[in-house]
């Protein structure tokens, strides 16, 4: 993956929203760790994040958007990581509405903001409700996470979150291994992974394929190459194995 190459200045001034399937939380904190080596980074969510999922070393602030802005502004360090939430409920940090996160961006309290804007119960593929994902208007880059299972496994309730919604929209058979063309159609479908995707020439869209360690055979790699060849709605493709520590 190319994220660590000259990343800090490249991503300064961006609001990056992460959507899609399982691996989003691990991804935003991994990216936050890299960025915070030289920048002020705020991580937050428009949904919720488990309290036990926040790594050590993050300056955590909880409260209304105005108080969060004030608390972070008072910290004058020129680099470091902040995590912000509106409240805690049932062992989870509850995030902010999109306009609240837009206000953090407009206030310029940090160099870059990373937002988790989706939920998938840690499954690699998902179907969408009408109100998902929740993406701030100021988003300048969208990272869309999928699991590599989509290339090699039969899709069913074991690996698809909200399978009824997914199969109804995707138009593929339950319990089937997908062809490259079917994978591309799902990845670029406006009712699945590109649902509510920000539009505009200045918005960067990146596909993040997690669990690349699953694609260890020549047939799987060939399928991946064919999918990449057919994709037309992503600016970049990142290949990661977050549990293996590979960004």
C-alpha atoms as a PDB file:
ATOM      1  CA  UNK A   1       0.000   0.000   0.000  1.00  0.00           C
ATOM      2  CA  UNK A   2       1.221   3.518  -0.791  1.00  0.00           C
ATOM      3  CA  UNK A   3      -0.333   5.351   2.159  1.00  0.00           C
ATOM      4  CA  UNK A   4       2.883   5.822   4.137  1.00  0.00           C
ATOM      5  CA  UNK A   5       4.841   7.238   1.210  1.00  0.00           C
ATOM      6  CA  UNK A   6       4.858  11.009   1.623  1.00  0.00           C
ATOM      7  CA  UNK A   7       1.529  10.761   3.342  1.00  0.00           C
ATOM      8  CA  UNK A   8       1.525  13.549   5.862  1.00  0.00           C
ATOM      9  CA  UNK A   9       1.728  16.614   3.650  1.00  0.00           C
ATOM     10  CA  UNK A  10      -0.387  14.897   1.008  1.00  0.00           C
ATOM     11  CA  UNK A  11      -3.294  14.388   3.395  1.00  0.00           C
ATOM     12  CA  UNK A  12      -3.043  17.583   5.409  1.00  0.00           C
ATOM     13  CA  UNK A  13      -6.280  19.558   5.213  1.00  0.00           C
ATOM     14  CA  UNK A  14      -8.479  16.564   4.387  1.00  0.00           C
ATOM     15  CA  UNK A  15     -11.629  15.165   5.963  1.00  0.00           C
ATOM     16  CA  UNK A  16     -11.429  11.429   5.261  1.00  0.00           C
ATOM     17  CA  UNK A  17     -14.546   9.304   5.769  1.00  0.00           C
ATOM     18  CA  UNK A  18     -14.220   5.521   5.956  1.00  0.00           C
ATOM     19  CA  UNK A  19     -17.227   3.431   4.900  1.00  0.00           C
ATOM     20  CA  UNK A  20     -17.906  -0.133   3.817  1.00  0.00           C
ATOM     21  CA  UNK A  21     -17.492  -3.438   5.579  1.00  0.00           C
ATOM     22  CA  UNK A  22     -15.359  -4.867   8.396  1.00  0.00           C
ATOM     23  CA  UNK A  23     -11.959  -3.365   9.166  1.00  0.00           C
ATOM     24  CA  UNK A  24     -12.905   0.318   9.219  1.00  0.00           C
ATOM     25  CA  UNK A  25     -12.056   0.927  12.870  1.00  0.00           C
ATOM     26  CA  UNK A  26      -8.695  -0.818  12.599  1.00  0.00           C
ATOM     27  CA  UNK A  27      -7.956   1.152   9.450  1.00  0.00           C
ATOM     28  CA  UNK A  28      -8.713   4.607  10.829  1.00  0.00           C
ATOM     29  CA  UNK A  29      -6.578   4.045  13.909  1.00  0.00           C
ATOM     30  CA  UNK A  30      -3.719   2.605  11.850  1.00  0.00           C
ATOM     31  CA  UNK A  31      -3.872   5.636   9.570  1.00  0.00           C
ATOM     32  CA  UNK A  32      -4.162   7.922  12.563  1.00  0.00           C
ATOM     33  CA  UNK A  33      -0.975   6.497  14.030  1.00  0.00           C
ATOM     34  CA  UNK A  34       0.926   7.170  10.804  1.00  0.00           C
ATOM     35  CA  UNK A  35      -0.448  10.670  10.308  1.00  0.00           C
ATOM     36  CA  UNK A  36       0.027  11.748  13.918  1.00  0.00           C
ATOM     37  CA  UNK A  37       3.783  11.341  13.632  1.00  0.00           C
ATOM     38  CA  UNK A  38       3.862  14.832  12.099  1.00  0.00           C
ATOM     39  CA  UNK A  39       0.264  16.131  12.110  1.00  0.00           C
ATOM     40  CA  UNK A  40      -2.608  16.874  14.461  1.00  0.00           C
ATOM     41  CA  UNK A  41      -5.183  14.158  13.781  1.00  0.00           C
ATOM     42  CA  UNK A  42      -8.785  13.874  14.972  1.00  0.00           C
ATOM     43  CA  UNK A  43     -10.589  10.537  14.796  1.00  0.00           C
ATOM     44  CA  UNK A  44     -14.340  10.426  15.307  1.00  0.00           C
ATOM     45  CA  UNK A  45     -17.475   8.775  13.939  1.00  0.00           C
ATOM     46  CA  UNK A  46     -20.988   9.450  12.725  1.00  0.00           C
ATOM     47  CA  UNK A  47     -22.047   6.085  14.205  1.00  0.00           C
ATOM     48  CA  UNK A  48     -20.393   4.522  17.257  1.00  0.00           C
ATOM     49  CA  UNK A  49     -17.129   2.812  18.236  1.00  0.00           C
ATOM     50  CA  UNK A  50     -16.618   0.370  21.095  1.00  0.00           C
ATOM     51  CA  UNK A  51     -14.825   1.838  24.095  1.00  0.00           C
ATOM     52  CA  UNK A  52     -12.444  -1.125  24.053  1.00  0.00           C
ATOM     53  CA  UNK A  53     -11.449  -0.403  20.441  1.00  0.00           C
ATOM     54  CA  UNK A  54      -9.588   2.835  21.164  1.00  0.00           C
ATOM     55  CA  UNK A  55      -5.805   2.216  21.245  1.00  0.00           C
ATOM     56  CA  UNK A  56      -3.659   3.707  23.964  1.00  0.00           C
ATOM     57  CA  UNK A  57      -2.034   7.052  23.279  1.00  0.00           C
ATOM     58  CA  UNK A  58      -5.116   8.897  22.043  1.00  0.00           C
ATOM     59  CA  UNK A  59      -6.245  12.075  23.770  1.00  0.00           C
ATOM     60  CA  UNK A  60      -9.955  11.324  24.281  1.00  0.00           C
ATOM     61  CA  UNK A  61     -12.533  14.088  24.631  1.00  0.00           C
ATOM     62  CA  UNK A  62     -16.261  13.491  25.107  1.00  0.00           C
ATOM     63  CA  UNK A  63     -18.980  16.127  24.951  1.00  0.00           C
ATOM     64  CA  UNK A  64     -20.926  18.463  22.717  1.00  0.00           C
ATOM     65  CA  UNK A  65     -19.317  19.596  19.485  1.00  0.00           C
ATOM     66  CA  UNK A  66     -18.565  23.093  20.809  1.00  0.00           C
ATOM     67  CA  UNK A  67     -16.810  21.783  23.917  1.00  0.00           C
ATOM     68  CA  UNK A  68     -14.824  19.275  21.847  1.00  0.00           C
ATOM     69  CA  UNK A  69     -13.602  22.084  19.584  1.00  0.00           C
ATOM     70  CA  UNK A  70     -12.605  24.138  22.600  1.00  0.00           C
ATOM     71  CA  UNK A  71     -10.776  21.271  24.320  1.00  0.00           C
ATOM     72  CA  UNK A  72      -8.802  20.335  21.222  1.00  0.00           C
ATOM     73  CA  UNK A  73      -7.992  23.975  20.445  1.00  0.00           C
ATOM     74  CA  UNK A  74      -6.506  24.386  23.927  1.00  0.00           C
ATOM     75  CA  UNK A  75      -3.984  21.627  23.182  1.00  0.00           C
ATOM     76  CA  UNK A  76      -1.230  23.492  21.342  1.00  0.00           C
ATOM     77  CA  UNK A  77       0.886  20.472  20.357  1.00  0.00           C
ATOM     78  CA  UNK A  78       1.831  20.567  16.672  1.00  0.00           C
ATOM     79  CA  UNK A  79       1.264  16.821  16.284  1.00  0.00           C
ATOM     80  CA  UNK A  80      -0.633  14.021  17.997  1.00  0.00           C
ATOM     81  CA  UNK A  81      -3.862  12.034  18.014  1.00  0.00           C
ATOM     82  CA  UNK A  82      -7.283  13.004  19.351  1.00  0.00           C
ATOM     83  CA  UNK A  83     -10.436  10.925  19.580  1.00  0.00           C
ATOM     84  CA  UNK A  84     -13.775  12.663  20.058  1.00  0.00           C
ATOM     85  CA  UNK A  85     -17.297  11.443  20.791  1.00  0.00           C
ATOM     86  CA  UNK A  86     -20.505  13.080  21.947  1.00  0.00           C
ATOM     87  CA  UNK A  87     -21.219  10.610  24.770  1.00  0.00           C
ATOM     88  CA  UNK A  88     -20.816   7.036  26.005  1.00  0.00           C
ATOM     89  CA  UNK A  89     -23.704   4.552  25.951  1.00  0.00           C
ATOM     90  CA  UNK A  90     -23.740   0.771  26.432  1.00  0.00           C
ATOM     91  CA  UNK A  91     -19.962   0.505  26.284  1.00  0.00           C
ATOM     92  CA  UNK A  92     -19.661   2.487  23.068  1.00  0.00           C
ATOM     93  CA  UNK A  93     -18.571   5.968  22.117  1.00  0.00           C
ATOM     94  CA  UNK A  94     -21.419   7.664  20.271  1.00  0.00           C
ATOM     95  CA  UNK A  95     -20.287  10.007  17.524  1.00  0.00           C
ATOM     96  CA  UNK A  96     -21.601  13.233  16.041  1.00  0.00           C
ATOM     97  CA  UNK A  97     -24.061  14.125  13.279  1.00  0.00           C
ATOM     98  CA  UNK A  98     -22.389  15.027   9.983  1.00  0.00           C
ATOM     99  CA  UNK A  99     -22.812  18.762  10.537  1.00  0.00           C
ATOM    100  CA  UNK A 100     -20.957  18.498  13.850  1.00  0.00           C
ATOM    101  CA  UNK A 101     -17.957  16.936  12.161  1.00  0.00           C
ATOM    102  CA  UNK A 102     -18.145  19.496   9.362  1.00  0.00           C
ATOM    103  CA  UNK A 103     -17.882  22.165  12.059  1.00  0.00           C
ATOM    104  CA  UNK A 104     -14.660  20.575  13.370  1.00  0.00           C
ATOM    105  CA  UNK A 105     -13.236  20.766   9.855  1.00  0.00           C
ATOM    106  CA  UNK A 106     -14.329  24.371   9.324  1.00  0.00           C
ATOM    107  CA  UNK A 107     -12.820  25.391  12.670  1.00  0.00           C
ATOM    108  CA  UNK A 108      -9.384  24.134  11.591  1.00  0.00           C
ATOM    109  CA  UNK A 109      -8.620  22.649  15.016  1.00  0.00           C
ATOM    110  CA  UNK A 110      -6.556  19.797  13.521  1.00  0.00           C
ATOM    111  CA  UNK A 111      -4.666  19.070  10.307  1.00  0.00           C
ATOM    112  CA  UNK A 112      -6.718  16.054   9.230  1.00  0.00           C
ATOM    113  CA  UNK A 113      -9.942  14.365  10.360  1.00  0.00           C
ATOM    114  CA  UNK A 114     -10.657  10.639  10.049  1.00  0.00           C
ATOM    115  CA  UNK A 115     -14.314   9.617  10.331  1.00  0.00           C
ATOM    116  CA  UNK A 116     -15.875   6.184  10.613  1.00  0.00           C
ATOM    117  CA  UNK A 117     -19.176   6.591   8.781  1.00  0.00           C
ATOM    118  CA  UNK A 118     -20.569   3.080   8.578  1.00  0.00           C
ATOM    119  CA  UNK A 119     -21.127  -0.167  10.496  1.00  0.00           C
ATOM    120  CA  UNK A 120     -20.934  -3.826   9.464  1.00  0.00           C
ATOM    121  CA  UNK A 121     -20.603  -5.930  12.649  1.00  0.00           C
ATOM    122  CA  UNK A 122     -17.055  -6.795  11.481  1.00  0.00           C
ATOM    123  CA  UNK A 123     -18.334  -8.757   8.458  1.00  0.00           C
ATOM    124  CA  UNK A 124     -16.499  -8.337   5.119  1.00  0.00           C
ATOM    125  CA  UNK A 125     -19.527  -7.461   2.955  1.00  0.00           C
ATOM    126  CA  UNK A 126     -22.750  -5.614   3.769  1.00  0.00           C
ATOM    127  CA  UNK A 127     -26.192  -4.556   2.627  1.00  0.00           C
ATOM    128  CA  UNK A 128     -27.361  -1.014   3.318  1.00  0.00           C
ATOM    129  CA  UNK A 129     -30.264   0.549   5.156  1.00  0.00           C
ATOM    130  CA  UNK A 130     -31.817   3.696   3.720  1.00  0.00           C
ATOM    131  CA  UNK A 131     -29.961   5.968   6.164  1.00  0.00           C
ATOM    132  CA  UNK A 132     -26.494   4.474   5.612  1.00  0.00           C
ATOM    133  CA  UNK A 133     -23.696   5.387   5.322  1.00  0.00           C
ATOM    134  CA  UNK A 134     -23.529   8.692   7.208  1.00  0.00           C
ATOM    135  CA  UNK A 135     -20.977  10.908   5.463  1.00  0.00           C
ATOM    136  CA  UNK A 136     -20.107  14.512   6.418  1.00  0.00           C
ATOM    137  CA  UNK A 137     -20.606  17.039   3.626  1.00  0.00           C
ATOM    138  CA  UNK A 138     -17.020  18.310   3.910  1.00  0.00           C
ATOM    139  CA  UNK A 139     -15.590  14.875   3.095  1.00  0.00           C
ATOM    140  CA  UNK A 140     -12.738  15.262   0.604  1.00  0.00           C
ATOM    141  CA  UNK A 141     -11.715  11.603   0.495  1.00  0.00           C
ATOM    142  CA  UNK A 142     -13.778   8.434   0.946  1.00  0.00           C
ATOM    143  CA  UNK A 143     -12.112   5.131   1.811  1.00  0.00           C
ATOM    144  CA  UNK A 144     -14.389   2.179   1.032  1.00  0.00           C
ATOM    145  CA  UNK A 145     -13.407  -1.022   2.832  1.00  0.00           C
ATOM    146  CA  UNK A 146     -14.247  -4.534   1.659  1.00  0.00           C
ATOM    147  CA  UNK A 147     -12.990  -7.923   2.781  1.00  0.00           C
ATOM    148  CA  UNK A 148     -10.998 -10.126   0.407  1.00  0.00           C
ATOM    149  CA  UNK A 149     -13.589 -12.832   1.099  1.00  0.00           C
ATOM    150  CA  UNK A 150     -15.623 -11.323  -1.732  1.00  0.00           C
ATOM    151  CA  UNK A 151     -13.088 -12.787  -4.177  1.00  0.00           C
ATOM    152  CA  UNK A 152     -12.941 -16.358  -2.891  1.00  0.00           C
ATOM    153  CA  UNK A 153     -15.881 -17.275  -0.647  1.00  0.00           C
ATOM    154  CA  UNK A 154     -19.500 -18.193  -1.278  1.00  0.00           C
ATOM    155  CA  UNK A 155     -21.594 -15.284  -0.056  1.00  0.00           C
ATOM    156  CA  UNK A 156     -24.174 -16.033   2.632  1.00  0.00           C
ATOM    157  CA  UNK A 157     -25.184 -15.102   6.187  1.00  0.00           C
ATOM    158  CA  UNK A 158     -21.730 -15.999   7.534  1.00  0.00           C
ATOM    159  CA  UNK A 159     -19.929 -13.230   5.668  1.00  0.00           C
ATOM    160  CA  UNK A 160     -22.606 -10.694   4.671  1.00  0.00           C
ATOM    161  CA  UNK A 161     -24.086  -8.153   7.085  1.00  0.00           C
ATOM    162  CA  UNK A 162     -27.812  -7.661   6.386  1.00  0.00           C
ATOM    163  CA  UNK A 163     -27.825 -10.389   3.706  1.00  0.00           C
ATOM    164  CA  UNK A 164     -31.468  -9.837   2.709  1.00  0.00           C
ATOM    165  CA  UNK A 165     -30.771  -6.232   1.783  1.00  0.00           C
ATOM    166  CA  UNK A 166     -27.513  -7.117   0.061  1.00  0.00           C
ATOM    167  CA  UNK A 167     -28.838  -9.923  -2.145  1.00  0.00           C
ATOM    168  CA  UNK A 168     -31.979  -7.970  -3.003  1.00  0.00           C
ATOM    169  CA  UNK A 169     -29.899  -5.114  -4.428  1.00  0.00           C
ATOM    170  CA  UNK A 170     -26.836  -6.992  -5.701  1.00  0.00           C
ATOM    171  CA  UNK A 171     -28.710  -9.302  -8.038  1.00  0.00           C
ATOM    172  CA  UNK A 172     -26.446 -12.291  -7.357  1.00  0.00           C
ATOM    173  CA  UNK A 173     -27.355 -15.735  -6.075  1.00  0.00           C
ATOM    174  CA  UNK A 174     -27.106 -16.641  -2.403  1.00  0.00           C
ATOM    175  CA  UNK A 175     -24.281 -19.105  -1.716  1.00  0.00           C
ATOM    176  CA  UNK A 176     -22.372 -18.303  -4.900  1.00  0.00           C
ATOM    177  CA  UNK A 177     -18.708 -17.462  -5.532  1.00  0.00           C
ATOM    178  CA  UNK A 178     -18.740 -14.273  -7.570  1.00  0.00           C
ATOM    179  CA  UNK A 179     -17.218 -13.689 -10.982  1.00  0.00           C
ATOM    180  CA  UNK A 180     -14.928 -10.675 -11.536  1.00  0.00           C
ATOM    181  CA  UNK A 181     -17.736  -8.860 -13.345  1.00  0.00           C
ATOM    182  CA  UNK A 182     -20.164  -9.432 -10.472  1.00  0.00           C
ATOM    183  CA  UNK A 183     -17.605  -8.169  -7.959  1.00  0.00           C
ATOM    184  CA  UNK A 184     -17.050  -4.988  -9.964  1.00  0.00           C
ATOM    185  CA  UNK A 185     -20.795  -4.405 -10.251  1.00  0.00           C
ATOM    186  CA  UNK A 186     -21.200  -4.745  -6.471  1.00  0.00           C
ATOM    187  CA  UNK A 187     -18.220  -2.525  -5.648  1.00  0.00           C
ATOM    188  CA  UNK A 188     -19.471   0.234  -7.950  1.00  0.00           C
ATOM    189  CA  UNK A 189     -23.198  -0.170  -7.255  1.00  0.00           C
ATOM    190  CA  UNK A 190     -24.870   3.082  -6.108  1.00  0.00           C
ATOM    191  CA  UNK A 191     -27.062   1.096  -3.735  1.00  0.00           C
ATOM    192  CA  UNK A 192     -24.246  -0.878  -2.113  1.00  0.00           C
ATOM    193  CA  UNK A 193     -20.644   0.257  -1.604  1.00  0.00           C
ATOM    194  CA  UNK A 194     -21.057   3.562  -3.466  1.00  0.00           C
ATOM    195  CA  UNK A 195     -24.326   4.421  -1.739  1.00  0.00           C
ATOM    196  CA  UNK A 196     -24.364   8.121  -0.771  1.00  0.00           C
ATOM    197  CA  UNK A 197     -20.798   8.501  -2.062  1.00  0.00           C
ATOM    198  CA  UNK A 198     -19.707  12.153  -2.230  1.00  0.00           C
ATOM    199  CA  UNK A 199     -19.675  13.523  -5.759  1.00  0.00           C
ATOM    200  CA  UNK A 200     -17.420  16.078  -7.396  1.00  0.00           C
ATOM    201  CA  UNK A 201     -14.108  16.099  -9.217  1.00  0.00           C
ATOM    202  CA  UNK A 202     -12.257  17.172  -6.088  1.00  0.00           C
ATOM    203  CA  UNK A 203     -13.408  14.185  -3.978  1.00  0.00           C
ATOM    204  CA  UNK A 204     -10.984  11.262  -3.944  1.00  0.00           C
ATOM    205  CA  UNK A 205     -12.437   7.738  -3.777  1.00  0.00           C
ATOM    206  CA  UNK A 206     -10.233   4.832  -2.693  1.00  0.00           C
ATOM    207  CA  UNK A 207     -11.097   1.137  -2.493  1.00  0.00           C
ATOM    208  CA  UNK A 208      -9.419  -0.618   0.443  1.00  0.00           C
ATOM    209  CA  UNK A 209      -9.241  -4.409   0.169  1.00  0.00           C
ATOM    210  CA  UNK A 210      -8.630  -5.884   3.620  1.00  0.00           C
ATOM    211  CA  UNK A 211      -7.388  -9.408   4.467  1.00  0.00           C
ATOM    212  CA  UNK A 212      -5.140  -9.648   1.434  1.00  0.00           C
ATOM    213  CA  UNK A 213      -3.530 -12.640   3.149  1.00  0.00           C
ATOM    214  CA  UNK A 214      -6.592 -14.648   2.023  1.00  0.00           C
ATOM    215  CA  UNK A 215      -5.639 -14.165  -1.629  1.00  0.00           C
ATOM    216  CA  UNK A 216      -2.544 -16.344  -1.532  1.00  0.00           C
ATOM    217  CA  UNK A 217      -3.092 -18.481  -4.633  1.00  0.00           C
ATOM    218  CA  UNK A 218      -2.591 -17.713  -8.336  1.00  0.00           C
ATOM    219  CA  UNK A 219      -6.298 -18.068  -9.175  1.00  0.00           C
ATOM    220  CA  UNK A 220      -7.332 -15.576  -6.484  1.00  0.00           C
ATOM    221  CA  UNK A 221      -4.640 -13.120  -7.528  1.00  0.00           C
ATOM    222  CA  UNK A 222      -5.688 -13.402 -11.154  1.00  0.00           C
ATOM    223  CA  UNK A 223      -9.299 -12.656 -10.201  1.00  0.00           C
ATOM    224  CA  UNK A 224      -8.142  -9.612  -8.236  1.00  0.00           C
ATOM    225  CA  UNK A 225      -6.153  -8.339 -11.215  1.00  0.00           C
ATOM    226  CA  UNK A 226      -9.185  -8.726 -13.480  1.00  0.00           C
ATOM    227  CA  UNK A 227     -11.385  -6.826 -11.025  1.00  0.00           C
ATOM    228  CA  UNK A 228      -8.837  -4.010 -10.813  1.00  0.00           C
ATOM    229  CA  UNK A 229      -8.704  -3.857 -14.608  1.00  0.00           C
ATOM    230  CA  UNK A 230     -12.479  -3.408 -14.832  1.00  0.00           C
ATOM    231  CA  UNK A 231     -12.929  -0.858 -12.028  1.00  0.00           C
ATOM    232  CA  UNK A 232     -13.743   2.641 -13.259  1.00  0.00           C
ATOM    233  CA  UNK A 233     -15.095   4.566 -10.260  1.00  0.00           C
ATOM    234  CA  UNK A 234     -12.127   4.474  -7.874  1.00  0.00           C
ATOM    235  CA  UNK A 235      -9.053   6.694  -7.953  1.00  0.00           C
ATOM    236  CA  UNK A 236      -6.865   4.162  -6.151  1.00  0.00           C
ATOM    237  CA  UNK A 237      -6.929   0.627  -4.759  1.00  0.00           C
ATOM    238  CA  UNK A 238      -5.159  -0.135  -1.480  1.00  0.00           C
ATOM    239  CA  UNK A 239      -4.415  -3.728  -0.489  1.00  0.00           C
ATOM    240  CA  UNK A 240      -3.987  -4.317   3.238  1.00  0.00           C
ATOM    241  CA  UNK A 241      -4.028  -7.015   5.903  1.00  0.00           C
ATOM    242  CA  UNK A 242      -4.921  -5.098   9.036  1.00  0.00           C
ATOM    243  CA  UNK A 243      -4.869  -8.041  11.449  1.00  0.00           C
ATOM    244  CA  UNK A 244      -1.416  -8.918  10.139  1.00  0.00           C
ATOM    245  CA  UNK A 245      -0.278  -5.344  10.725  1.00  0.00           C
ATOM    246  CA  UNK A 246       0.191  -4.648   7.012  1.00  0.00           C
ATOM    247  CA  UNK A 247      -0.886  -1.227   5.783  1.00  0.00           C
END
